[in-house]
Protein backbone atom coordinates (compact mmCIF):
# COMPACT_ATOMS: atom_id res chain seq x y z
CA UNK A 1 63.37 -257.44 53.26
CA UNK A 2 66.28 -258.40 51.04
CA UNK A 3 65.50 -258.86 47.34
CA UNK A 4 67.04 -262.06 46.08
CA UNK A 5 67.00 -263.84 42.74
CA UNK A 6 64.23 -266.15 43.98
CA UNK A 7 62.08 -263.23 45.09
CA UNK A 8 62.52 -261.64 41.71
CA UNK A 9 61.46 -264.88 40.03
CA UNK A 10 58.39 -265.14 42.28
CA UNK A 11 57.49 -261.50 41.45
CA UNK A 12 57.79 -262.23 37.73
CA UNK A 13 55.54 -265.25 38.11
CA UNK A 14 52.89 -263.19 39.95
CA UNK A 15 52.98 -260.13 37.71
CA UNK A 16 53.72 -261.34 34.14
CA UNK A 17 51.07 -263.05 32.08
CA UNK A 18 51.63 -264.55 28.64
CA UNK A 19 48.90 -264.39 26.02
CA UNK A 20 47.81 -267.86 24.78
CA UNK A 21 48.44 -268.62 21.10
CA UNK A 22 45.14 -270.37 20.47
CA UNK A 23 41.73 -269.24 21.66
CA UNK A 24 39.49 -271.71 23.40
CA UNK A 25 35.70 -271.43 23.58
CA UNK A 26 35.72 -270.08 27.17
CA UNK A 27 38.20 -267.32 26.27
CA UNK A 28 35.57 -265.51 24.20
CA UNK A 29 33.38 -265.22 27.30
CA UNK A 30 36.02 -264.70 30.00
CA UNK A 31 39.01 -262.57 29.05
CA UNK A 32 41.06 -263.77 32.08
CA UNK A 33 41.31 -267.20 30.41
CA UNK A 34 43.17 -265.49 27.52
CA UNK A 35 46.44 -265.46 29.49
CA UNK A 36 48.54 -268.11 31.16
CA UNK A 37 50.93 -267.91 34.10
CA UNK A 38 54.69 -268.29 33.45
CA UNK A 39 56.33 -271.43 34.77
CA UNK A 40 58.94 -271.08 37.44
CA UNK A 41 61.62 -272.37 35.02
CA UNK A 42 60.69 -269.79 32.38
CA UNK A 43 60.59 -266.94 34.92
CA UNK A 44 64.06 -267.96 36.17
CA UNK A 45 65.34 -268.01 32.59
CA UNK A 46 64.01 -264.46 32.04
CA UNK A 47 65.64 -263.12 35.22
CA UNK A 48 68.92 -264.90 34.37
CA UNK A 49 68.98 -263.49 30.84
CA UNK A 50 68.33 -260.02 32.15
CA UNK A 51 71.30 -260.28 34.48
CA UNK A 52 73.47 -261.72 31.70
CA UNK A 53 72.68 -258.78 29.44
CA UNK A 54 73.54 -256.35 32.26
CA UNK A 55 76.80 -258.19 33.01
CA UNK A 56 77.90 -258.19 29.38
CA UNK A 57 77.20 -254.50 29.05
CA UNK A 58 79.17 -253.67 32.20
CA UNK A 59 82.06 -255.89 31.19
CA UNK A 60 82.39 -253.94 27.92
CA UNK A 61 82.42 -250.66 29.85
CA UNK A 62 78.94 -249.49 28.95
CA UNK A 63 76.46 -248.07 31.41
CA UNK A 64 73.21 -249.78 32.20
CA UNK A 65 70.27 -247.44 32.66
CA UNK A 66 66.95 -248.60 34.11
CA UNK A 67 64.41 -245.76 33.79
CA UNK A 68 62.77 -244.82 37.11
CA UNK A 69 65.40 -246.83 39.06
CA UNK A 70 68.90 -245.53 38.22
CA UNK A 71 72.02 -246.41 36.29
CA UNK A 72 75.00 -248.63 36.79
CA UNK A 73 78.34 -247.05 35.72
CA UNK A 74 81.77 -248.57 35.26
CA UNK A 75 84.48 -246.38 36.69
CA UNK A 76 88.23 -246.72 36.30
CA UNK A 77 90.49 -246.40 39.30
CA UNK A 78 94.19 -245.79 38.77
CA UNK A 79 96.87 -247.73 40.64
CA UNK A 80 97.74 -246.02 43.92
CA UNK A 81 99.74 -246.40 47.07
CA UNK A 82 97.99 -248.06 49.98
CA UNK A 83 98.82 -249.54 53.35
CA UNK A 84 98.30 -252.94 54.97
CA UNK A 85 96.21 -252.04 58.10
CA UNK A 86 97.65 -254.93 60.09
CA UNK A 87 101.37 -254.35 59.54
CA UNK A 88 101.38 -250.76 58.37
CA UNK A 89 103.46 -251.85 55.39
CA UNK A 90 103.21 -249.70 52.28
CA UNK A 91 101.89 -251.52 49.16
CA UNK A 92 100.81 -250.61 45.58
CA UNK A 93 97.15 -251.25 44.76
CA UNK A 94 96.62 -252.27 41.14
CA UNK A 95 94.42 -250.21 38.79
CA UNK A 96 90.89 -251.62 38.38
CA UNK A 97 87.41 -250.98 37.22
CA UNK A 98 84.53 -250.80 39.57
CA UNK A 99 80.76 -250.61 39.25
CA UNK A 100 78.87 -247.79 40.89
CA UNK A 101 75.12 -247.03 41.06
CA UNK A 102 73.44 -243.66 40.68
CA UNK A 103 69.86 -243.48 41.87
CA UNK A 104 67.29 -241.84 39.58
CA UNK A 105 65.55 -238.65 40.85
CA UNK A 106 62.17 -240.46 40.83
CA UNK A 107 63.48 -243.20 43.11
CA UNK A 108 65.24 -240.70 45.38
CA UNK A 109 61.93 -238.83 45.72
CA UNK A 110 60.07 -242.07 46.63
CA UNK A 111 62.72 -243.08 49.17
CA UNK A 112 62.78 -239.69 50.83
CA UNK A 113 59.03 -239.23 50.90
CA UNK A 114 57.81 -238.70 54.46
CA UNK A 115 54.57 -240.04 55.82
């Protein structure tokens, strides 16, 4: 299964509950009425804002660490000599920054668990 933005939004809708501001009569008897489900629009806004925060941090060169998942690092690559695979012509590749991901030990352990 590929995790897409829409699957993340669906997961947020299923797992996140927002506490109601005002209590109704039934909420005193049934605690499950104390919470309401997020709308699809609000869940999409939350996922978008999370990605925006991560993008801004990476653009400024900071690392983004998600406990229990891993961290995203920005690495600098110097300009170097390369070759066009089609023609064999030698070219200079510009310096650039790239994003890499390092998996947390907890996630590695879960992935490599057998059985």
